[in-house]
Amino acid sequence: MKMRTVELIAGPKEPHFVGDGFRVHNFIPSGFRLDMQRMNPFILLDYNSTFYFPPSDKPKGVAVHPHRGFETVTIAYKGRVQHHDSSGGGGVIGEGDIQWMTAASGVLHKEYHEKEWSKQGGEFQMVQLWVNLPAKYKMSRPKYQAIKNEQINRFELSGEKGAIEVIAGAYKGIQGVASTFSPIHMYYAKLKRGGKADFVLPKNFNTVLLVLEGPIILNNSEEALTDHLVLMANDGESFEVEATDDALVLVLSGEPIDEPIAAQGPFVMNTREELMQAFDDYKNGKFGFLEE
């Protein structure tokens, strides 16, 4: 089995605010090697590195906005996020929990700091990922998966050196809890200092690692620091991650969706005509209603 090499290690870009509640570094799309087509099915990755929000009686966040043609996956590591959408989905994402929203044919959505957490303030760390949908599913009905951290199946590493939490796909026979529309593996690697984990993923799957806590060493040679993204080359199947301190790594690997991408703002379709239809449908109220 051939080893998969490191193609790129990217540091965090200057942060920007999404609304007033999410201070993010954008990793995807951000350049020729991290654009939507290269990273497909992962078409956006915004990372809110650890940031302190002071107490606020009015929760900070993002006001009502539309989505069509893809899924949003929101993972809260520190802090709590509350959200609602026009299809009836909603809830609170606690630390380690995941909100997996299939916007598909279209929803209105809003997300903000959970009210009681906002009053106290504190450190906030989260990831928002956009997952592309194959053309045949882009206009399917919206759906929602609320995944609590305690529901996630785990593979325990030997020597009590950590665990791999399997969100989607599978890891050494352990199945993920999330359902997906195309083949995707998504893991948390929680490693103690000196812990090692090996991964075997199909060569053609686009694969990245986001180091939430680190640093880590890949294949005994390449170091990736906290808040860095690692793009693995499509030249092999296996690679190894070693934690040189306690580490938390988000591992994403997915089969490319070999279809055209037409993206603008909150819509990701296959053609320009479909994009224009999305804007018309939104303007004409076909995404439902959601109170501000």
C-alpha atoms as a PDB file:
ATOM      1  CA  MET A   1       0.000   0.000   0.000  1.00  0.00           C
ATOM      2  CA  LYS A   2       1.469   3.327  -1.062  1.00  0.00           C
ATOM      3  CA  MET A   3       1.902   6.157   1.411  1.00  0.00           C
ATOM      4  CA  ARG A   4      -0.037   9.372   0.752  1.00  0.00           C
ATOM      5  CA  THR A   5       2.242  12.409   0.916  1.00  0.00           C
ATOM      6  CA  VAL A   6       1.632  15.954   2.118  1.00  0.00           C
ATOM      7  CA  GLU A   7       0.873  18.334  -0.768  1.00  0.00           C
ATOM      8  CA  LEU A   8       0.431  21.560   1.185  1.00  0.00           C
ATOM      9  CA  ILE A   9       0.390  22.905   4.738  1.00  0.00           C
ATOM     10  CA  ALA A  10      -1.525  26.182   4.911  1.00  0.00           C
ATOM     11  CA  GLY A  11      -1.463  28.623   7.806  1.00  0.00           C
ATOM     12  CA  PRO A  12      -4.548  30.614   8.802  1.00  0.00           C
ATOM     13  CA  LYS A  13      -5.307  33.680   6.691  1.00  0.00           C
ATOM     14  CA  GLU A  14      -6.307  36.995   8.256  1.00  0.00           C
ATOM     15  CA  PRO A  15      -9.639  36.451  10.032  1.00  0.00           C
ATOM     16  CA  HIS A  16     -12.875  38.146   9.073  1.00  0.00           C
ATOM     17  CA  PHE A  17     -16.276  38.247  10.727  1.00  0.00           C
ATOM     18  CA  VAL A  18     -19.317  36.408   9.411  1.00  0.00           C
ATOM     19  CA  GLY A  19     -22.140  38.404  10.971  1.00  0.00           C
ATOM     20  CA  ASP A  20     -20.932  39.601  14.352  1.00  0.00           C
ATOM     21  CA  GLY A  21     -20.664  36.176  15.999  1.00  0.00           C
ATOM     22  CA  PHE A  22     -18.134  34.188  13.992  1.00  0.00           C
ATOM     23  CA  ARG A  23     -14.520  35.305  13.564  1.00  0.00           C
ATOM     24  CA  VAL A  24     -13.229  32.941  10.905  1.00  0.00           C
ATOM     25  CA  HIS A  25     -10.189  32.031   8.854  1.00  0.00           C
ATOM     26  CA  ASN A  26     -11.226  30.842   5.389  1.00  0.00           C
ATOM     27  CA  PHE A  27      -9.328  27.797   4.118  1.00  0.00           C
ATOM     28  CA  ILE A  28     -11.630  26.619   1.306  1.00  0.00           C
ATOM     29  CA  PRO A  29     -11.910  28.114  -1.293  1.00  0.00           C
ATOM     30  CA  SER A  30      -8.632  29.996  -0.976  1.00  0.00           C
ATOM     31  CA  GLY A  31      -6.288  29.620  -3.883  1.00  0.00           C
ATOM     32  CA  PHE A  32      -5.610  27.287  -6.808  1.00  0.00           C
ATOM     33  CA  ARG A  33      -4.845  24.239  -4.667  1.00  0.00           C
ATOM     34  CA  LEU A  34      -7.718  24.815  -2.259  1.00  0.00           C
ATOM     35  CA  ASP A  35     -10.460  25.856  -4.668  1.00  0.00           C
ATOM     36  CA  MET A  36     -13.931  24.295  -4.851  1.00  0.00           C
ATOM     37  CA  GLN A  37     -13.146  21.939  -7.721  1.00  0.00           C
ATOM     38  CA  ARG A  38      -9.862  20.664  -6.230  1.00  0.00           C
ATOM     39  CA  MET A  39     -11.428  20.097  -2.815  1.00  0.00           C
ATOM     40  CA  ASN A  40     -14.825  18.811  -4.014  1.00  0.00           C
ATOM     41  CA  PRO A  41     -16.995  17.621  -2.234  1.00  0.00           C
ATOM     42  CA  PHE A  42     -15.717  20.087   0.408  1.00  0.00           C
ATOM     43  CA  ILE A  43     -16.504  23.459  -1.125  1.00  0.00           C
ATOM     44  CA  LEU A  44     -16.113  25.809   1.849  1.00  0.00           C
ATOM     45  CA  LEU A  45     -14.274  25.574   5.150  1.00  0.00           C
ATOM     46  CA  ASP A  46     -14.433  28.469   7.601  1.00  0.00           C
ATOM     47  CA  TYR A  47     -12.616  28.005  10.889  1.00  0.00           C
ATOM     48  CA  ASN A  48     -13.310  30.116  13.983  1.00  0.00           C
ATOM     49  CA  SER A  49     -10.048  29.584  15.872  1.00  0.00           C
ATOM     50  CA  THR A  50     -10.248  30.038  19.649  1.00  0.00           C
ATOM     51  CA  PHE A  51     -11.490  33.575  20.291  1.00  0.00           C
ATOM     52  CA  TYR A  52     -12.878  35.202  23.432  1.00  0.00           C
ATOM     53  CA  PHE A  53     -16.298  36.828  23.182  1.00  0.00           C
ATOM     54  CA  PRO A  54     -17.212  39.061  26.150  1.00  0.00           C
ATOM     55  CA  PRO A  55     -20.616  38.685  27.845  1.00  0.00           C
ATOM     56  CA  SER A  56     -23.516  40.065  25.823  1.00  0.00           C
ATOM     57  CA  ASP A  57     -27.237  40.283  26.564  1.00  0.00           C
ATOM     58  CA  LYS A  58     -27.923  40.233  22.818  1.00  0.00           C
ATOM     59  CA  PRO A  59     -26.567  37.018  21.243  1.00  0.00           C
ATOM     60  CA  LYS A  60     -24.133  37.618  18.401  1.00  0.00           C
ATOM     61  CA  GLY A  61     -24.490  35.668  15.187  1.00  0.00           C
ATOM     62  CA  VAL A  62     -25.668  35.654  11.572  1.00  0.00           C
ATOM     63  CA  ALA A  63     -29.112  36.925  10.579  1.00  0.00           C
ATOM     64  CA  VAL A  64     -31.515  35.073   8.284  1.00  0.00           C
ATOM     65  CA  HIS A  65     -29.864  33.965   5.026  1.00  0.00           C
ATOM     66  CA  PRO A  66     -30.635  31.388   2.285  1.00  0.00           C
ATOM     67  CA  HIS A  67     -28.852  28.227   1.128  1.00  0.00           C
ATOM     68  CA  ARG A  68     -29.431  25.928  -1.856  1.00  0.00           C
ATOM     69  CA  GLY A  69     -27.560  23.067  -3.501  1.00  0.00           C
ATOM     70  CA  PHE A  70     -25.330  21.786  -0.693  1.00  0.00           C
ATOM     71  CA  GLU A  71     -25.094  20.862   2.996  1.00  0.00           C
ATOM     72  CA  THR A  72     -23.728  22.875   5.909  1.00  0.00           C
ATOM     73  CA  VAL A  73     -21.901  21.056   8.687  1.00  0.00           C
ATOM     74  CA  THR A  74     -21.323  23.098  11.838  1.00  0.00           C
ATOM     75  CA  ILE A  75     -19.111  21.740  14.621  1.00  0.00           C
ATOM     76  CA  ALA A  76     -18.785  23.521  17.973  1.00  0.00           C
ATOM     77  CA  TYR A  77     -15.616  22.814  19.943  1.00  0.00           C
ATOM     78  CA  LYS A  78     -15.867  25.637  22.503  1.00  0.00           C
ATOM     79  CA  GLY A  79     -19.004  27.640  23.174  1.00  0.00           C
ATOM     80  CA  ARG A  80     -22.588  26.932  22.163  1.00  0.00           C
ATOM     81  CA  VAL A  81     -24.418  27.749  18.925  1.00  0.00           C
ATOM     82  CA  GLN A  82     -28.173  28.015  18.488  1.00  0.00           C
ATOM     83  CA  HIS A  83     -29.837  27.899  15.069  1.00  0.00           C
ATOM     84  CA  HIS A  84     -33.153  27.715  13.222  1.00  0.00           C
ATOM     85  CA  ASP A  85     -34.173  27.110   9.620  1.00  0.00           C
ATOM     86  CA  SER A  86     -37.340  27.524   7.588  1.00  0.00           C
ATOM     87  CA  SER A  87     -37.872  23.771   7.185  1.00  0.00           C
ATOM     88  CA  GLY A  88     -38.464  23.401  10.929  1.00  0.00           C
ATOM     89  CA  GLY A  89     -34.961  22.336  11.920  1.00  0.00           C
ATOM     90  CA  GLY A  90     -33.160  23.913  14.835  1.00  0.00           C
ATOM     91  CA  GLY A  91     -31.535  23.386  18.178  1.00  0.00           C
ATOM     92  CA  VAL A  92     -28.415  24.029  20.213  1.00  0.00           C
ATOM     93  CA  ILE A  93     -24.986  22.753  19.191  1.00  0.00           C
ATOM     94  CA  GLY A  94     -22.949  22.104  22.333  1.00  0.00           C
ATOM     95  CA  GLU A  95     -19.231  21.399  22.602  1.00  0.00           C
ATOM     96  CA  GLY A  96     -18.311  18.504  20.327  1.00  0.00           C
ATOM     97  CA  ASP A  97     -21.794  18.376  18.782  1.00  0.00           C
ATOM     98  CA  ILE A  98     -22.582  18.663  15.077  1.00  0.00           C
ATOM     99  CA  GLN A  99     -25.398  20.251  13.095  1.00  0.00           C
ATOM    100  CA  TRP A 100     -25.600  18.655   9.650  1.00  0.00           C
ATOM    101  CA  MET A 101     -28.125  20.578   7.580  1.00  0.00           C
ATOM    102  CA  THR A 102     -29.036  19.510   4.059  1.00  0.00           C
ATOM    103  CA  ALA A 103     -30.201  22.734   2.432  1.00  0.00           C
ATOM    104  CA  ALA A 104     -30.755  20.994  -0.941  1.00  0.00           C
ATOM    105  CA  SER A 105     -33.734  22.685  -2.683  1.00  0.00           C
ATOM    106  CA  GLY A 106     -33.553  25.641  -0.325  1.00  0.00           C
ATOM    107  CA  VAL A 107     -33.875  26.873   3.239  1.00  0.00           C
ATOM    108  CA  LEU A 108     -33.596  30.092   5.170  1.00  0.00           C
ATOM    109  CA  HIS A 109     -31.240  29.779   8.118  1.00  0.00           C
ATOM    110  CA  LYS A 110     -29.952  31.779  11.059  1.00  0.00           C
ATOM    111  CA  GLU A 111     -27.324  30.893  13.658  1.00  0.00           C
ATOM    112  CA  TYR A 112     -26.099  32.709  16.741  1.00  0.00           C
ATOM    113  CA  HIS A 113     -24.497  32.248  20.144  1.00  0.00           C
ATOM    114  CA  GLU A 114     -26.796  30.360  22.510  1.00  0.00           C
ATOM    115  CA  LYS A 115     -28.571  32.859  24.772  1.00  0.00           C
ATOM    116  CA  GLU A 116     -27.303  31.730  28.179  1.00  0.00           C
ATOM    117  CA  TRP A 117     -23.757  31.159  26.908  1.00  0.00           C
ATOM    118  CA  SER A 118     -23.826  34.631  25.364  1.00  0.00           C
ATOM    119  CA  LYS A 119     -24.678  36.192  28.741  1.00  0.00           C
ATOM    120  CA  GLN A 120     -21.582  34.585  30.271  1.00  0.00           C
ATOM    121  CA  GLY A 121     -19.248  34.922  27.291  1.00  0.00           C
ATOM    122  CA  GLY A 122     -16.119  32.852  26.937  1.00  0.00           C
ATOM    123  CA  GLU A 123     -13.828  31.121  24.483  1.00  0.00           C
ATOM    124  CA  PHE A 124     -15.445  30.176  21.197  1.00  0.00           C
ATOM    125  CA  GLN A 125     -14.079  27.730  18.608  1.00  0.00           C
ATOM    126  CA  MET A 126     -15.993  26.205  15.729  1.00  0.00           C
ATOM    127  CA  VAL A 127     -15.875  24.932  12.144  1.00  0.00           C
ATOM    128  CA  GLN A 128     -18.371  25.451   9.355  1.00  0.00           C
ATOM    129  CA  LEU A 129     -18.018  23.185   6.366  1.00  0.00           C
ATOM    130  CA  TRP A 130     -20.039  23.228   3.135  1.00  0.00           C
ATOM    131  CA  VAL A 131     -20.436  19.809   1.514  1.00  0.00           C
ATOM    132  CA  ASN A 132     -21.437  19.724  -2.142  1.00  0.00           C
ATOM    133  CA  LEU A 133     -24.392  17.645  -3.329  1.00  0.00           C
ATOM    134  CA  PRO A 134     -24.469  15.609  -6.544  1.00  0.00           C
ATOM    135  CA  ALA A 135     -26.729  17.192  -9.169  1.00  0.00           C
ATOM    136  CA  LYS A 136     -29.442  14.570  -8.706  1.00  0.00           C
ATOM    137  CA  TYR A 137     -29.838  15.577  -5.036  1.00  0.00           C
ATOM    138  CA  LYS A 138     -29.489  19.363  -5.261  1.00  0.00           C
ATOM    139  CA  MET A 139     -33.259  19.897  -5.432  1.00  0.00           C
ATOM    140  CA  SER A 140     -34.231  17.201  -2.925  1.00  0.00           C
ATOM    141  CA  ARG A 141     -36.114  18.049   0.257  1.00  0.00           C
ATOM    142  CA  PRO A 142     -34.147  19.755   3.038  1.00  0.00           C
ATOM    143  CA  LYS A 143     -33.315  17.640   6.065  1.00  0.00           C
ATOM    144  CA  TYR A 144     -31.461  17.974   9.312  1.00  0.00           C
ATOM    145  CA  GLN A 145     -29.221  15.740  11.427  1.00  0.00           C
ATOM    146  CA  ALA A 146     -28.540  16.733  15.037  1.00  0.00           C
ATOM    147  CA  ILE A 147     -25.553  14.739  16.247  1.00  0.00           C
ATOM    148  CA  LYS A 148     -24.646  14.877  19.928  1.00  0.00           C
ATOM    149  CA  ASN A 149     -21.051  14.103  20.842  1.00  0.00           C
ATOM    150  CA  GLU A 150     -22.097  11.134  22.968  1.00  0.00           C
ATOM    151  CA  GLN A 151     -23.776   9.551  19.909  1.00  0.00           C
ATOM    152  CA  ILE A 152     -20.526   9.451  17.929  1.00  0.00           C
ATOM    153  CA  ASN A 153     -18.913   5.997  17.695  1.00  0.00           C
ATOM    154  CA  ARG A 154     -15.266   5.770  18.749  1.00  0.00           C
ATOM    155  CA  PHE A 155     -12.231   3.657  17.968  1.00  0.00           C
ATOM    156  CA  GLU A 156      -9.953   3.547  21.015  1.00  0.00           C
ATOM    157  CA  LEU A 157      -6.241   3.685  20.263  1.00  0.00           C
ATOM    158  CA  SER A 158      -3.937   1.242  22.021  1.00  0.00           C
ATOM    159  CA  GLY A 159      -2.106   2.292  25.167  1.00  0.00           C
ATOM    160  CA  GLU A 160      -4.813   4.808  26.087  1.00  0.00           C
ATOM    161  CA  LYS A 161      -3.271   7.226  23.620  1.00  0.00           C
ATOM    162  CA  GLY A 162      -6.556   8.649  22.389  1.00  0.00           C
ATOM    163  CA  ALA A 163      -9.501   7.845  20.159  1.00  0.00           C
ATOM    164  CA  ILE A 164     -10.836   8.364  16.649  1.00  0.00           C
ATOM    165  CA  GLU A 165     -14.431   9.622  16.711  1.00  0.00           C
ATOM    166  CA  VAL A 166     -16.181   8.581  13.502  1.00  0.00           C
ATOM    167  CA  ILE A 167     -18.670  11.226  12.361  1.00  0.00           C
ATOM    168  CA  ALA A 168     -19.242   9.878   8.830  1.00  0.00           C
ATOM    169  CA  GLY A 169     -17.949   6.961   6.795  1.00  0.00           C
ATOM    170  CA  ALA A 170     -15.969   4.336   8.679  1.00  0.00           C
ATOM    171  CA  TYR A 171     -12.668   3.832  10.500  1.00  0.00           C
ATOM    172  CA  LYS A 172     -11.357   0.301  11.091  1.00  0.00           C
ATOM    173  CA  GLY A 173     -14.843  -1.155  11.134  1.00  0.00           C
ATOM    174  CA  ILE A 174     -16.393   1.586  13.260  1.00  0.00           C
ATOM    175  CA  GLN A 175     -19.266   3.254  11.412  1.00  0.00           C
ATOM    176  CA  GLY A 176     -20.073   6.953  11.446  1.00  0.00           C
ATOM    177  CA  VAL A 177     -23.464   8.228  12.556  1.00  0.00           C
ATOM    178  CA  ALA A 178     -24.052  10.833   9.824  1.00  0.00           C
ATOM    179  CA  SER A 179     -25.732   9.917   6.545  1.00  0.00           C
ATOM    180  CA  THR A 180     -24.213  11.418   3.400  1.00  0.00           C
ATOM    181  CA  PHE A 181     -25.222  11.775  -0.261  1.00  0.00           C
ATOM    182  CA  SER A 182     -21.771  10.865  -1.605  1.00  0.00           C
ATOM    183  CA  PRO A 183     -18.921   8.828  -0.061  1.00  0.00           C
ATOM    184  CA  ILE A 184     -17.353  10.839   2.784  1.00  0.00           C
ATOM    185  CA  HIS A 185     -15.181   9.996   5.776  1.00  0.00           C
ATOM    186  CA  MET A 186     -15.150  12.521   8.613  1.00  0.00           C
ATOM    187  CA  TYR A 187     -13.292  11.965  11.876  1.00  0.00           C
ATOM    188  CA  TYR A 188     -12.131  13.707  15.029  1.00  0.00           C
ATOM    189  CA  ALA A 189      -8.693  12.381  15.939  1.00  0.00           C
ATOM    190  CA  LYS A 190      -8.226  13.002  19.671  1.00  0.00           C
ATOM    191  CA  LEU A 191      -4.639  12.100  20.449  1.00  0.00           C
ATOM    192  CA  LYS A 192      -2.689  12.192  23.686  1.00  0.00           C
ATOM    193  CA  ARG A 193       0.931  13.307  23.560  1.00  0.00           C
ATOM    194  CA  GLY A 194       2.885  10.593  21.737  1.00  0.00           C
ATOM    195  CA  GLY A 195      -0.275   9.035  20.358  1.00  0.00           C
ATOM    196  CA  LYS A 196      -0.255   7.776  16.782  1.00  0.00           C
ATOM    197  CA  ALA A 197      -3.099   7.014  14.375  1.00  0.00           C
ATOM    198  CA  ASP A 198      -2.896   5.601  10.870  1.00  0.00           C
ATOM    199  CA  PHE A 199      -5.447   6.281   8.158  1.00  0.00           C
ATOM    200  CA  VAL A 200      -6.187   4.344   4.977  1.00  0.00           C
ATOM    201  CA  LEU A 201      -8.400   6.229   2.515  1.00  0.00           C
ATOM    202  CA  PRO A 202      -9.043   5.783  -1.216  1.00  0.00           C
ATOM    203  CA  LYS A 203      -6.351   7.431  -3.337  1.00  0.00           C
ATOM    204  CA  ASN A 204      -8.829   9.504  -5.349  1.00  0.00           C
ATOM    205  CA  PHE A 205     -10.623  10.912  -2.260  1.00  0.00           C
ATOM    206  CA  ASN A 206      -9.735  14.551  -1.603  1.00  0.00           C
ATOM    207  CA  THR A 207      -8.345  14.643   1.931  1.00  0.00           C
ATOM    208  CA  VAL A 208      -7.532  17.472   4.362  1.00  0.00           C
ATOM    209  CA  LEU A 209      -6.711  17.708   8.060  1.00  0.00           C
ATOM    210  CA  LEU A 210      -7.476  20.753  10.210  1.00  0.00           C
ATOM    211  CA  VAL A 211      -5.302  20.940  13.329  1.00  0.00           C
ATOM    212  CA  LEU A 212      -7.547  22.328  16.070  1.00  0.00           C
ATOM    213  CA  GLU A 213      -5.010  21.568  18.787  1.00  0.00           C
ATOM    214  CA  GLY A 214      -1.489  20.454  18.106  1.00  0.00           C
ATOM    215  CA  PRO A 215       1.144  20.289  16.837  1.00  0.00           C
ATOM    216  CA  ILE A 216       1.208  17.013  14.903  1.00  0.00           C
ATOM    217  CA  ILE A 217       3.726  15.161  12.748  1.00  0.00           C
ATOM    218  CA  LEU A 218       2.619  13.523   9.501  1.00  0.00           C
ATOM    219  CA  ASN A 219       4.404  10.443   8.133  1.00  0.00           C
ATOM    220  CA  ASN A 220       7.258  10.971  10.613  1.00  0.00           C
ATOM    221  CA  SER A 221       8.452  14.003   8.667  1.00  0.00           C
ATOM    222  CA  GLU A 222       6.082  16.970   8.208  1.00  0.00           C
ATOM    223  CA  GLU A 223       5.001  19.156  11.135  1.00  0.00           C
ATOM    224  CA  ALA A 224       1.644  20.949  11.181  1.00  0.00           C
ATOM    225  CA  LEU A 225       0.940  23.489  13.904  1.00  0.00           C
ATOM    226  CA  THR A 226      -2.285  24.444  15.653  1.00  0.00           C
ATOM    227  CA  ASP A 227      -4.794  26.242  13.373  1.00  0.00           C
ATOM    228  CA  HIS A 228      -3.110  24.937  10.196  1.00  0.00           C
ATOM    229  CA  LEU A 229      -4.699  22.970   7.358  1.00  0.00           C
ATOM    230  CA  VAL A 230      -2.956  20.014   5.722  1.00  0.00           C
ATOM    231  CA  LEU A 231      -3.831  19.004   2.146  1.00  0.00           C
ATOM    232  CA  MET A 232      -2.852  15.418   1.364  1.00  0.00           C
ATOM    233  CA  ALA A 233      -1.811  14.565  -2.192  1.00  0.00           C
ATOM    234  CA  ASN A 234      -3.847  12.069  -4.222  1.00  0.00           C
ATOM    235  CA  ASP A 235      -0.828   9.794  -4.627  1.00  0.00           C
ATOM    236  CA  GLY A 236      -1.442   7.006  -2.139  1.00  0.00           C
ATOM    237  CA  GLU A 237      -3.820   5.547   0.413  1.00  0.00           C
ATOM    238  CA  SER A 238      -2.158   5.503   3.855  1.00  0.00           C
ATOM    239  CA  PHE A 239      -0.704   8.143   6.156  1.00  0.00           C
ATOM    240  CA  GLU A 240       0.138   8.478   9.842  1.00  0.00           C
ATOM    241  CA  VAL A 241      -0.496  11.242  12.336  1.00  0.00           C
ATOM    242  CA  GLU A 242       1.531  11.565  15.557  1.00  0.00           C
ATOM    243  CA  ALA A 243       0.767  14.042  18.333  1.00  0.00           C
ATOM    244  CA  THR A 244       3.806  15.805  19.799  1.00  0.00           C
ATOM    245  CA  ASP A 245       1.450  17.306  22.396  1.00  0.00           C
ATOM    246  CA  ASP A 246      -2.198  16.605  23.147  1.00  0.00           C
ATOM    247  CA  ALA A 247      -3.897  17.107  19.786  1.00  0.00           C
ATOM    248  CA  LEU A 248      -7.316  17.388  18.185  1.00  0.00           C
ATOM    249  CA  VAL A 249      -7.501  16.981  14.405  1.00  0.00           C
ATOM    250  CA  LEU A 250     -10.502  17.109  12.084  1.00  0.00           C
ATOM    251  CA  VAL A 251      -9.958  14.681   9.200  1.00  0.00           C
ATOM    252  CA  LEU A 252     -12.051  15.134   6.029  1.00  0.00           C
ATOM    253  CA  SER A 253     -11.923  12.792   3.045  1.00  0.00           C
ATOM    254  CA  GLY A 254     -14.452  12.555   0.227  1.00  0.00           C
ATOM    255  CA  GLU A 255     -14.920  11.171  -3.242  1.00  0.00           C
ATOM    256  CA  PRO A 256     -14.810  14.006  -5.799  1.00  0.00           C
ATOM    257  CA  ILE A 257     -18.135  14.883  -7.407  1.00  0.00           C
ATOM    258  CA  ASP A 258     -17.163  15.075 -11.073  1.00  0.00           C
ATOM    259  CA  GLU A 259     -19.694  17.707 -12.120  1.00  0.00           C
ATOM    260  CA  PRO A 260     -19.522  21.420 -12.997  1.00  0.00           C
ATOM    261  CA  ILE A 261     -19.743  23.899 -10.119  1.00  0.00           C
ATOM    262  CA  ALA A 262     -21.631  27.180 -10.468  1.00  0.00           C
ATOM    263  CA  ALA A 263     -21.416  29.077  -7.184  1.00  0.00           C
ATOM    264  CA  GLN A 264     -22.453  32.548  -6.100  1.00  0.00           C
ATOM    265  CA  GLY A 265     -23.030  33.684  -2.528  1.00  0.00           C
ATOM    266  CA  PRO A 266     -25.196  31.169  -0.657  1.00  0.00           C
ATOM    267  CA  PHE A 267     -26.037  29.032  -3.707  1.00  0.00           C
ATOM    268  CA  VAL A 268     -23.972  26.206  -5.236  1.00  0.00           C
ATOM    269  CA  MET A 269     -25.459  24.668  -8.378  1.00  0.00           C
ATOM    270  CA  ASN A 270     -24.204  23.115 -11.625  1.00  0.00           C
ATOM    271  CA  THR A 271     -25.122  25.811 -14.183  1.00  0.00           C
ATOM    272  CA  ARG A 272     -25.485  29.575 -14.376  1.00  0.00           C
ATOM    273  CA  GLU A 273     -29.173  29.113 -15.242  1.00  0.00           C
ATOM    274  CA  GLU A 274     -29.749  27.145 -12.032  1.00  0.00           C
ATOM    275  CA  LEU A 275     -28.061  29.934 -10.061  1.00  0.00           C
ATOM    276  CA  MET A 276     -30.350  32.537 -11.579  1.00  0.00           C
ATOM    277  CA  GLN A 277     -33.348  30.342 -10.768  1.00  0.00           C
ATOM    278  CA  ALA A 278     -32.170  30.108  -7.156  1.00  0.00           C
ATOM    279  CA  PHE A 279     -32.000  33.901  -6.852  1.00  0.00           C
ATOM    280  CA  ASP A 280     -35.470  34.222  -8.440  1.00  0.00           C
ATOM    281  CA  ASP A 281     -36.953  31.592  -6.128  1.00  0.00           C
ATOM    282  CA  TYR A 282     -35.446  33.286  -3.094  1.00  0.00           C
ATOM    283  CA  LYS A 283     -36.726  36.689  -4.209  1.00  0.00           C
ATOM    284  CA  ASN A 284     -40.215  35.207  -4.741  1.00  0.00           C
ATOM    285  CA  GLY A 285     -40.421  33.655  -1.274  1.00  0.00           C
ATOM    286  CA  LYS A 286     -40.050  30.009  -2.308  1.00  0.00           C
ATOM    287  CA  PHE A 287     -37.537  29.284   0.464  1.00  0.00           C
ATOM    288  CA  GLY A 288     -40.231  29.645   3.120  1.00  0.00           C
ATOM    289  CA  PHE A 289     -40.298  32.073   6.013  1.00  0.00           C
ATOM    290  CA  LEU A 290     -38.055  32.526   9.044  1.00  0.00           C
ATOM    291  CA  GLU A 291     -38.504  35.268  11.609  1.00  0.00           C
ATOM    292  CA  GLU A 292     -35.476  37.515  12.112  1.00  0.00           C
END
